[in-house]
Amino acid sequence: MRERAGWIGPGAVTVVNRSLESVPVHEQGLDAVLAVLRLSLGYSAERVEAACRLALTGRVRSPRYAHLQPILATEQDKAAGLRLPGMNRLNTAATYAAPNTTQVVPSERDRYRNQAQAP
């Protein structure tokens, strides 16, 4: 299982290790670990890795499926920008800004307000 988590990335390995360390007997943590690894069947390894890294920045010591699945479902992993050095950057407005120009990128709150006001 740790080998399969290694295919996803170091964040996934940390999540798997912490899940197994949080129980007295490794067999008790197998279902939780398999649920996390199964996320890579529905989402790309890069997204699962980003979700693991995002969950690890929170206050939960050993993130589980219940923490990671909502992050992926709401695409928080994409918005957080927690990518490994070799991965592509997120496609944001700031990425496409011309050099030496000032561009105002709306905050998340402003985007939400604009969506709420749209008919």
N, C-alpha and C. Protein backbone atom coordinates (compact mmCIF):
# COMPACT_ATOMS: atom_id res chain seq x y z
N MET A 1 0.81 -1.19 0.00
CA MET A 1 0.00 0.00 0.00
C MET A 1 0.86 1.26 0.00
N ARG A 2 1.95 1.21 0.75
CA ARG A 2 2.83 2.38 0.74
C ARG A 2 3.45 2.58 -0.64
N GLU A 3 3.69 1.46 -1.33
CA GLU A 3 4.24 1.56 -2.69
C GLU A 3 3.24 2.24 -3.62
N ARG A 4 1.98 1.86 -3.53
CA ARG A 4 0.94 2.48 -4.37
C ARG A 4 0.79 3.96 -4.02
N ALA A 5 0.87 4.28 -2.74
CA ALA A 5 0.82 5.68 -2.33
C ALA A 5 2.02 6.44 -2.89
N GLY A 6 3.16 5.76 -3.01
CA GLY A 6 4.34 6.39 -3.59
C GLY A 6 4.15 6.75 -5.04
N TRP A 7 3.31 6.01 -5.76
CA TRP A 7 3.01 6.35 -7.16
C TRP A 7 2.22 7.64 -7.23
N ILE A 8 1.44 7.91 -6.19
CA ILE A 8 0.65 9.15 -6.17
C ILE A 8 1.54 10.32 -5.79
N GLY A 9 2.31 10.17 -4.72
CA GLY A 9 3.21 11.25 -4.33
C GLY A 9 3.56 11.19 -2.85
N PRO A 10 4.48 12.05 -2.41
CA PRO A 10 4.93 12.02 -1.01
C PRO A 10 3.84 12.42 -0.02
N GLY A 11 2.92 13.27 -0.42
CA GLY A 11 1.82 13.64 0.47
C GLY A 11 0.92 12.45 0.75
N ALA A 12 0.67 11.64 -0.28
CA ALA A 12 -0.15 10.44 -0.10
C ALA A 12 0.56 9.43 0.79
N VAL A 13 1.87 9.31 0.66
CA VAL A 13 2.64 8.41 1.52
C VAL A 13 2.52 8.86 2.97
N THR A 14 2.59 10.16 3.21
CA THR A 14 2.46 10.68 4.57
C THR A 14 1.08 10.39 5.13
N VAL A 15 0.03 10.57 4.31
CA VAL A 15 -1.33 10.28 4.76
C VAL A 15 -1.47 8.81 5.11
N VAL A 16 -0.95 7.93 4.26
CA VAL A 16 -1.02 6.49 4.52
C VAL A 16 -0.25 6.13 5.80
N ASN A 17 0.95 6.65 5.94
CA ASN A 17 1.75 6.36 7.13
C ASN A 17 1.05 6.83 8.41
N ARG A 18 0.50 8.03 8.37
CA ARG A 18 -0.18 8.54 9.55
C ARG A 18 -1.44 7.75 9.86
N SER A 19 -2.15 7.29 8.83
CA SER A 19 -3.34 6.48 9.06
C SER A 19 -2.97 5.16 9.74
N LEU A 20 -1.88 4.57 9.30
CA LEU A 20 -1.46 3.30 9.89
C LEU A 20 -0.87 3.49 11.28
N GLU A 21 -0.23 4.64 11.51
CA GLU A 21 0.35 4.91 12.83
C GLU A 21 -0.70 5.26 13.87
N SER A 22 -1.87 5.71 13.43
CA SER A 22 -2.89 6.17 14.37
C SER A 22 -3.71 5.04 14.98
N VAL A 23 -3.49 3.80 14.55
CA VAL A 23 -4.22 2.66 15.09
C VAL A 23 -3.23 1.70 15.75
N PRO A 24 -3.68 0.98 16.78
CA PRO A 24 -2.75 0.08 17.48
C PRO A 24 -2.29 -1.11 16.63
N VAL A 25 -3.15 -1.60 15.73
CA VAL A 25 -2.82 -2.73 14.87
C VAL A 25 -3.01 -2.28 13.43
N HIS A 26 -2.00 -2.49 12.56
CA HIS A 26 -2.06 -2.01 11.18
C HIS A 26 -3.33 -2.44 10.44
N GLU A 27 -3.79 -3.65 10.72
CA GLU A 27 -4.97 -4.15 10.02
C GLU A 27 -6.20 -3.27 10.26
N GLN A 28 -6.23 -2.57 11.38
CA GLN A 28 -7.36 -1.70 11.68
C GLN A 28 -7.38 -0.46 10.78
N GLY A 29 -6.24 -0.11 10.24
CA GLY A 29 -6.18 1.07 9.37
C GLY A 29 -6.26 0.76 7.89
N LEU A 30 -6.39 -0.52 7.53
CA LEU A 30 -6.38 -0.89 6.11
C LEU A 30 -7.55 -0.30 5.34
N ASP A 31 -8.74 -0.34 5.90
CA ASP A 31 -9.90 0.20 5.18
C ASP A 31 -9.74 1.70 4.91
N ALA A 32 -9.24 2.42 5.91
CA ALA A 32 -9.04 3.86 5.74
C ALA A 32 -7.99 4.14 4.66
N VAL A 33 -6.93 3.36 4.65
CA VAL A 33 -5.86 3.54 3.66
C VAL A 33 -6.36 3.20 2.27
N LEU A 34 -7.09 2.09 2.14
CA LEU A 34 -7.61 1.70 0.83
C LEU A 34 -8.61 2.72 0.30
N ALA A 35 -9.40 3.31 1.17
CA ALA A 35 -10.35 4.35 0.73
C ALA A 35 -9.60 5.55 0.16
N VAL A 36 -8.51 5.94 0.81
CA VAL A 36 -7.71 7.06 0.31
C VAL A 36 -7.08 6.71 -1.03
N LEU A 37 -6.53 5.51 -1.14
CA LEU A 37 -5.89 5.10 -2.40
C LEU A 37 -6.91 4.95 -3.52
N ARG A 38 -8.14 4.57 -3.20
CA ARG A 38 -9.18 4.44 -4.22
C ARG A 38 -9.55 5.77 -4.85
N LEU A 39 -9.26 6.87 -4.17
CA LEU A 39 -9.52 8.18 -4.76
C LEU A 39 -8.77 8.37 -6.07
N SER A 40 -7.63 7.70 -6.22
CA SER A 40 -6.84 7.85 -7.45
C SER A 40 -7.50 7.15 -8.64
N LEU A 41 -8.55 6.37 -8.40
CA LEU A 41 -9.29 5.76 -9.52
C LEU A 41 -10.22 6.77 -10.17
N GLY A 42 -10.74 7.70 -9.38
CA GLY A 42 -11.67 8.70 -9.92
C GLY A 42 -11.04 10.05 -10.22
N TYR A 43 -9.89 10.30 -9.64
CA TYR A 43 -9.19 11.57 -9.83
C TYR A 43 -7.75 11.28 -10.23
N SER A 44 -7.11 12.24 -10.86
CA SER A 44 -5.71 12.05 -11.27
C SER A 44 -4.82 11.99 -10.04
N ALA A 45 -3.68 11.37 -10.21
CA ALA A 45 -2.72 11.26 -9.11
C ALA A 45 -2.27 12.64 -8.64
N GLU A 46 -2.14 13.58 -9.56
CA GLU A 46 -1.72 14.93 -9.20
C GLU A 46 -2.75 15.60 -8.29
N ARG A 47 -4.04 15.40 -8.61
CA ARG A 47 -5.09 16.02 -7.79
C ARG A 47 -5.17 15.36 -6.42
N VAL A 48 -5.04 14.04 -6.37
CA VAL A 48 -5.08 13.35 -5.08
C VAL A 48 -3.89 13.78 -4.22
N GLU A 49 -2.73 13.90 -4.84
CA GLU A 49 -1.54 14.36 -4.13
C GLU A 49 -1.74 15.77 -3.60
N ALA A 50 -2.29 16.65 -4.42
CA ALA A 50 -2.54 18.03 -3.99
C ALA A 50 -3.55 18.05 -2.84
N ALA A 51 -4.57 17.21 -2.90
CA ALA A 51 -5.56 17.14 -1.81
C ALA A 51 -4.91 16.63 -0.53
N CYS A 52 -4.03 15.64 -0.65
CA CYS A 52 -3.32 15.13 0.53
C CYS A 52 -2.46 16.22 1.15
N ARG A 53 -1.74 16.94 0.32
CA ARG A 53 -0.88 18.01 0.83
C ARG A 53 -1.71 19.11 1.48
N LEU A 54 -2.85 19.44 0.88
CA LEU A 54 -3.72 20.46 1.46
C LEU A 54 -4.28 19.98 2.79
N ALA A 55 -4.71 18.73 2.86
CA ALA A 55 -5.25 18.19 4.12
C ALA A 55 -4.18 18.14 5.20
N LEU A 56 -2.95 17.89 4.83
CA LEU A 56 -1.87 17.83 5.81
C LEU A 56 -1.52 19.19 6.38
N THR A 57 -1.90 20.27 5.70
CA THR A 57 -1.63 21.61 6.22
C THR A 57 -2.65 22.00 7.29
N GLY A 58 -3.74 21.25 7.40
CA GLY A 58 -4.78 21.54 8.38
C GLY A 58 -4.44 21.01 9.75
N ARG A 59 -5.45 21.03 10.62
CA ARG A 59 -5.24 20.62 12.01
C ARG A 59 -5.45 19.13 12.23
N VAL A 60 -5.91 18.41 11.22
CA VAL A 60 -6.13 16.97 11.36
C VAL A 60 -4.80 16.24 11.23
N ARG A 61 -4.46 15.43 12.21
CA ARG A 61 -3.17 14.74 12.18
C ARG A 61 -3.11 13.69 11.10
N SER A 62 -4.16 12.87 10.97
CA SER A 62 -4.14 11.84 9.93
C SER A 62 -5.40 11.97 9.08
N PRO A 63 -5.31 12.69 7.98
CA PRO A 63 -6.46 12.88 7.10
C PRO A 63 -6.97 11.55 6.56
N ARG A 64 -8.26 11.46 6.41
CA ARG A 64 -8.91 10.25 5.90
C ARG A 64 -9.69 10.60 4.65
N TYR A 65 -10.37 9.58 4.13
CA TYR A 65 -11.22 9.76 2.94
C TYR A 65 -12.22 10.90 3.15
N ALA A 66 -12.81 10.95 4.34
CA ALA A 66 -13.82 11.97 4.64
C ALA A 66 -13.26 13.38 4.58
N HIS A 67 -11.96 13.54 4.71
CA HIS A 67 -11.33 14.85 4.58
C HIS A 67 -10.92 15.13 3.13
N LEU A 68 -10.43 14.11 2.45
CA LEU A 68 -9.88 14.29 1.11
C LEU A 68 -10.94 14.37 0.02
N GLN A 69 -11.98 13.58 0.12
CA GLN A 69 -13.00 13.54 -0.93
C GLN A 69 -13.69 14.89 -1.12
N PRO A 70 -14.09 15.59 -0.05
CA PRO A 70 -14.69 16.92 -0.27
C PRO A 70 -13.71 17.93 -0.89
N ILE A 71 -12.44 17.82 -0.56
CA ILE A 71 -11.43 18.70 -1.16
C ILE A 71 -11.40 18.49 -2.67
N LEU A 72 -11.44 17.23 -3.09
CA LEU A 72 -11.42 16.93 -4.53
C LEU A 72 -12.74 17.29 -5.19
N ALA A 73 -13.86 17.00 -4.53
CA ALA A 73 -15.17 17.26 -5.12
C ALA A 73 -15.41 18.75 -5.34
N THR A 74 -14.90 19.58 -4.44
CA THR A 74 -15.08 21.03 -4.57
C THR A 74 -13.90 21.71 -5.25
N GLU A 75 -12.95 20.92 -5.73
CA GLU A 75 -11.78 21.40 -6.47
C GLU A 75 -10.92 22.38 -5.66
N GLN A 76 -10.91 22.22 -4.35
CA GLN A 76 -10.05 23.05 -3.51
C GLN A 76 -8.58 22.75 -3.78
N ASP A 77 -8.30 21.54 -4.22
CA ASP A 77 -6.91 21.17 -4.53
C ASP A 77 -6.37 22.01 -5.67
N LYS A 78 -7.23 22.36 -6.62
CA LYS A 78 -6.79 23.19 -7.75
C LYS A 78 -6.58 24.64 -7.31
N ALA A 79 -7.46 25.13 -6.47
CA ALA A 79 -7.38 26.52 -6.03
C ALA A 79 -6.22 26.76 -5.07
N ALA A 80 -5.84 25.73 -4.32
CA ALA A 80 -4.78 25.91 -3.32
C ALA A 80 -3.42 26.09 -3.96
N GLY A 81 -3.21 25.52 -5.14
CA GLY A 81 -1.93 25.67 -5.80
C GLY A 81 -0.82 24.86 -5.15
N LEU A 82 -1.16 23.83 -4.41
CA LEU A 82 -0.15 22.99 -3.77
C LEU A 82 0.29 21.91 -4.74
N ARG A 83 1.17 22.25 -5.62
CA ARG A 83 1.65 21.30 -6.63
C ARG A 83 3.10 20.96 -6.36
N LEU A 84 3.51 19.82 -6.82
CA LEU A 84 4.91 19.44 -6.72
C LEU A 84 5.71 20.27 -7.71
N PRO A 85 7.01 20.45 -7.48
CA PRO A 85 7.82 21.32 -8.35
C PRO A 85 7.73 20.97 -9.83
N GLY A 86 7.63 19.71 -10.21
CA GLY A 86 7.61 19.33 -11.62
C GLY A 86 6.25 19.42 -12.28
N MET A 87 5.21 19.70 -11.51
CA MET A 87 3.86 19.73 -12.07
C MET A 87 3.55 21.07 -12.72
N ASN A 88 2.58 21.07 -13.61
CA ASN A 88 2.17 22.29 -14.29
C ASN A 88 1.56 23.27 -13.31
N ARG A 89 1.70 24.54 -13.60
CA ARG A 89 1.08 25.57 -12.77
C ARG A 89 -0.40 25.62 -13.05
N LEU A 90 -1.12 26.16 -12.13
CA LEU A 90 -2.56 26.32 -12.31
C LEU A 90 -2.84 27.39 -13.35
N ASN A 91 -3.93 27.25 -14.07
CA ASN A 91 -4.31 28.24 -15.07
C ASN A 91 -5.11 29.34 -14.39
N THR A 92 -4.43 30.36 -13.94
CA THR A 92 -5.09 31.49 -13.30
C THR A 92 -4.91 32.72 -14.18
N ALA A 93 -5.69 33.74 -13.88
CA ALA A 93 -5.59 34.98 -14.65
C ALA A 93 -4.20 35.57 -14.54
N ALA A 94 -3.59 35.45 -13.38
CA ALA A 94 -2.26 36.01 -13.18
C ALA A 94 -1.21 35.29 -14.04
N THR A 95 -1.44 34.03 -14.37
CA THR A 95 -0.50 33.27 -15.19
C THR A 95 -0.41 33.87 -16.59
N TYR A 96 -1.51 34.39 -17.10
CA TYR A 96 -1.56 34.90 -18.46
C TYR A 96 -1.31 36.40 -18.56
N ALA A 97 -0.95 37.02 -17.45
CA ALA A 97 -0.71 38.45 -17.49
C ALA A 97 0.55 38.74 -18.30
N ALA A 98 0.50 39.81 -19.07
CA ALA A 98 1.67 40.21 -19.85
C ALA A 98 2.75 40.70 -18.91
N PRO A 99 4.01 40.49 -19.24
CA PRO A 99 5.09 40.95 -18.37
C PRO A 99 5.08 42.46 -18.21
N ASN A 100 5.50 42.92 -17.04
CA ASN A 100 5.61 44.34 -16.73
C ASN A 100 4.28 45.07 -16.80
N THR A 101 3.20 44.41 -16.50
CA THR A 101 1.90 45.07 -16.44
C THR A 101 1.29 44.81 -15.08
N THR A 102 0.42 45.69 -14.68
CA THR A 102 -0.29 45.52 -13.41
C THR A 102 -1.68 45.00 -13.72
N GLN A 103 -2.01 43.92 -13.07
CA GLN A 103 -3.32 43.32 -13.29
C GLN A 103 -3.95 43.02 -11.95
N VAL A 104 -5.20 43.40 -11.80
CA VAL A 104 -5.91 43.13 -10.56
C VAL A 104 -6.65 41.81 -10.73
N VAL A 105 -6.33 40.86 -9.88
CA VAL A 105 -7.00 39.57 -9.90
C VAL A 105 -8.04 39.58 -8.79
N PRO A 106 -9.31 39.35 -9.14
CA PRO A 106 -10.35 39.41 -8.10
C PRO A 106 -10.15 38.34 -7.04
N SER A 107 -10.50 38.67 -5.82
CA SER A 107 -10.38 37.71 -4.73
C SER A 107 -11.51 36.69 -4.84
N GLU A 108 -11.39 35.63 -4.10
CA GLU A 108 -12.42 34.57 -4.09
C GLU A 108 -13.76 35.14 -3.63
N ARG A 109 -13.71 36.04 -2.65
CA ARG A 109 -14.94 36.65 -2.14
C ARG A 109 -15.62 37.47 -3.23
N ASP A 110 -14.85 38.23 -4.00
CA ASP A 110 -15.43 39.04 -5.07
C ASP A 110 -16.04 38.16 -6.16
N ARG A 111 -15.38 37.06 -6.49
CA ARG A 111 -15.93 36.15 -7.50
C ARG A 111 -17.23 35.55 -7.03
N TYR A 112 -17.31 35.20 -5.75
CA TYR A 112 -18.54 34.63 -5.20
C TYR A 112 -19.67 35.67 -5.24
N ARG A 113 -19.35 36.91 -4.90
CA ARG A 113 -20.37 37.96 -4.95
C ARG A 113 -20.89 38.17 -6.36
N ASN A 114 -19.97 38.17 -7.34
CA ASN A 114 -20.38 38.35 -8.73
C ASN A 114 -21.27 37.22 -9.20
N GLN A 115 -20.97 35.99 -8.81
CA GLN A 115 -21.79 34.84 -9.19
C GLN A 115 -23.16 34.92 -8.54
N ALA A 116 -23.21 35.37 -7.29
CA ALA A 116 -24.48 35.46 -6.57
C ALA A 116 -25.38 36.54 -7.16
N GLN A 117 -24.79 37.60 -7.72
CA GLN A 117 -25.57 38.69 -8.29
C GLN A 117 -26.01 38.43 -9.71
N ALA A 118 -25.36 37.47 -10.37
CA ALA A 118 -25.72 37.17 -11.77
C ALA A 118 -27.13 36.56 -11.82
N PRO A 119 -27.89 36.90 -12.87
CA PRO A 119 -29.27 36.40 -12.97
C PRO A 119 -29.33 34.92 -13.23
